[in-house]
Structure formats: C-alpha cells, structure tokens
Protein backbone atom coordinates (compact mmCIF):
# COMPACT_ATOMS: atom_id res chain seq x y z
CA UNK A 1 113.34 88.64 70.27
CA UNK A 2 110.82 91.01 71.87
CA UNK A 3 109.81 94.21 70.15
CA UNK A 4 109.46 97.29 72.33
CA UNK A 5 106.48 99.36 71.24
CA UNK A 6 106.89 103.13 71.13
CA UNK A 7 105.21 104.97 73.99
CA UNK A 8 102.86 107.77 73.02
CA UNK A 9 103.87 111.30 73.95
CA UNK A 10 100.86 111.76 76.25
CA UNK A 11 101.57 108.52 78.11
CA UNK A 12 105.23 109.45 78.45
CA UNK A 13 104.38 112.91 79.85
CA UNK A 14 101.79 111.44 82.22
CA UNK A 15 104.25 108.85 83.51
CA UNK A 16 106.96 111.49 83.86
CA UNK A 17 104.56 113.65 85.86
CA UNK A 18 103.50 110.79 88.12
CA UNK A 19 107.13 109.91 88.78
CA UNK A 20 107.85 113.57 89.54
CA UNK A 21 104.86 113.66 91.89
CA UNK A 22 106.06 110.54 93.67
CA UNK A 23 109.52 112.03 94.07
CA UNK A 24 108.13 115.24 95.53
CA UNK A 25 105.77 113.35 97.83
CA UNK A 26 108.62 111.34 99.30
CA UNK A 27 110.88 114.37 99.64
CA UNK A 28 108.34 116.54 101.45
CA UNK A 29 107.22 118.64 98.47
CA UNK A 30 103.71 120.02 98.07
CA UNK A 31 101.91 118.57 95.07
CA UNK A 32 98.46 117.70 93.77
CA UNK A 33 97.86 115.59 90.70
CA UNK A 34 94.53 115.54 88.89
CA UNK A 35 93.44 113.56 85.88
CA UNK A 36 90.20 113.94 84.03
CA UNK A 37 89.29 113.32 80.43
CA UNK A 38 91.79 113.20 77.61
CA UNK A 39 94.08 116.21 77.85
CA UNK A 40 92.87 117.19 81.30
CA UNK A 41 95.84 116.03 83.34
CA UNK A 42 97.59 118.70 85.35
CA UNK A 43 100.01 118.96 88.24
CA UNK A 44 99.91 121.57 91.00
CA UNK A 45 103.32 121.91 92.63
CA UNK A 46 104.34 124.61 95.11
CA UNK A 47 101.59 126.98 93.93
CA UNK A 48 102.10 126.49 90.18
CA UNK A 49 99.72 124.53 87.98
CA UNK A 50 101.38 122.67 85.09
CA UNK A 51 99.65 121.03 82.15
CA UNK A 52 99.95 120.52 78.40
CA UNK A 53 97.96 121.67 75.39
CA UNK A 54 97.83 119.52 72.25
CA UNK A 55 98.59 122.45 69.96
CA UNK A 56 101.67 124.45 69.03
CA UNK A 57 102.91 127.58 70.76
CA UNK A 58 101.12 130.19 68.60
CA UNK A 59 97.60 128.76 69.15
CA UNK A 60 98.41 128.36 72.86
CA UNK A 61 99.36 132.04 73.15
CA UNK A 62 96.14 133.04 71.36
CA UNK A 63 94.14 130.82 73.75
CA UNK A 64 95.87 132.37 76.77
CA UNK A 65 95.09 135.88 75.53
CA UNK A 66 91.46 134.89 74.88
CA UNK A 67 91.18 133.43 78.40
CA UNK A 68 92.61 136.61 79.90
CA UNK A 69 90.06 138.75 78.03
CA UNK A 70 87.14 136.44 78.84
CA UNK A 71 88.00 136.36 82.55
CA UNK A 72 88.19 140.17 82.64
CA UNK A 73 91.87 140.32 83.55
CA UNK A 74 94.24 143.09 82.50
CA UNK A 75 97.35 142.05 80.59
CA UNK A 76 100.42 143.80 82.02
CA UNK A 77 103.03 142.26 79.72
CA UNK A 78 103.75 139.54 77.20
CA UNK A 79 107.37 138.55 76.77
CA UNK A 80 108.85 136.08 74.32
CA UNK A 81 112.19 134.36 74.74
CA UNK A 82 113.80 131.57 72.77
CA UNK A 83 112.33 129.06 75.24
CA UNK A 84 108.89 130.39 76.18
CA UNK A 85 106.23 133.10 76.06
CA UNK A 86 105.13 134.57 79.40
CA UNK A 87 101.99 136.60 80.01
CA UNK A 88 101.71 138.63 83.20
CA UNK A 89 98.16 139.69 84.06
CA UNK A 90 96.20 141.16 86.96
CA UNK A 91 92.75 140.19 88.21
CA UNK A 92 90.14 142.82 89.11
CA UNK A 93 91.24 142.20 92.74
CA UNK A 94 94.81 143.13 91.66
CA UNK A 95 96.12 139.59 92.06
CA UNK A 96 99.09 138.81 89.79
CA UNK A 97 98.87 135.81 87.46
CA UNK A 98 101.77 134.52 85.39
CA UNK A 99 101.07 132.22 82.43
CA UNK A 100 104.15 130.60 80.88
CA UNK A 101 103.86 128.71 77.60
CA UNK A 102 106.79 126.62 76.39
CA UNK A 103 106.80 124.51 73.23
CA UNK A 104 107.56 120.83 73.72
CA UNK A 105 107.32 120.19 69.99
CA UNK A 106 105.33 121.60 67.06
CA UNK A 107 102.05 120.13 68.36
CA UNK A 108 102.45 120.21 72.14
CA UNK A 109 102.86 123.14 74.53
CA UNK A 110 103.63 123.04 78.27
CA UNK A 111 101.53 125.50 80.29
CA UNK A 112 102.39 126.83 83.74
CA UNK A 113 99.96 129.07 85.61
CA UNK A 114 100.81 130.78 88.88
CA UNK A 115 98.14 132.90 90.56
CA UNK A 116 99.06 135.11 93.46
CA UNK A 117 102.12 135.10 95.68
CA UNK A 118 101.54 131.68 97.22
CA UNK A 119 99.45 130.21 94.42
CA UNK A 120 95.68 129.95 94.04
CA UNK A 121 94.77 126.53 92.69
CA UNK A 122 91.14 127.34 91.86
CA UNK A 123 92.07 130.48 89.95
CA UNK A 124 94.86 128.66 88.11
CA UNK A 125 92.42 125.89 87.13
CA UNK A 126 89.92 128.49 85.89
CA UNK A 127 92.58 130.07 83.66
CA UNK A 128 93.56 126.69 82.23
CA UNK A 129 89.91 125.74 81.64
CA UNK A 130 89.29 128.98 79.73
CA UNK A 131 92.42 128.38 77.67
CA UNK A 132 91.23 124.90 76.74
CA UNK A 133 87.78 126.26 75.85
CA UNK A 134 89.39 128.88 73.57
CA UNK A 135 91.17 126.24 71.48
C-alpha cells in the first residue's frame, strides 16, 4: 500500500495559485505570476497583487503600517472585520492604495495590494517588498 506524503502549506498555496493562473489564462483573465526566492511568490490578477507572509495577522498589520510610513504614504483608514484587516492609504501623488490582510492560519497571512483605480503593479510590488523588509 502506498503512503501519501503530506504536502507543505507553501507548496499547496503555490500549486493552488498556478492552477488559478492557468484557469484565468484560459478564460481570458489578466494575470501575471512571479516567483523568486522562498516566500517571494505573488500573483497579479486584474490590478491586484496577492501574496502570503509567513507570520500571523498582527505582525503582518505592523509590517503594513511600517511600509506605509517608510514609503511616505498617508494612512486614511484601518478597518478590522472578522475576516481581514484593510488599510486604505494615499501616496504623495494622491493615488489610493488598499492593503488587505487576511489570516490563513496562525502563522500565515494572505496579502492583497491594489494601487490606483486600474492597478499599478510596480507600486504594489514596492509596498509588498517594504512589508517583507519590515518583518
């Protein structure tokens, strides 16, 4: 009898993202997938960057706030619901950025960054990079 080995959380999320990307690609969606070093995988779908942080929600929120301060953005609001924490900020050029942090489990948080009305991939990546650096 064969034993099925458990799949790591990171591998599962990466495979789920790749399958989602393939689905969107074949259905006419707009998506970009990037993979770098460990923890650097993200998906950019319809103007929203999505990634994961290997920490719980509270450290993720602190990292988001640190990134906002370091980038010189102005925080407009921070709202918490049962499912997620959302930060709404403005750049010096008055561009709106929404950062949504949702816990996957006690040591993993999903991050979604949307910059501007139609999405600004470079700006979203910069926000995520600053968040990672703040951890």
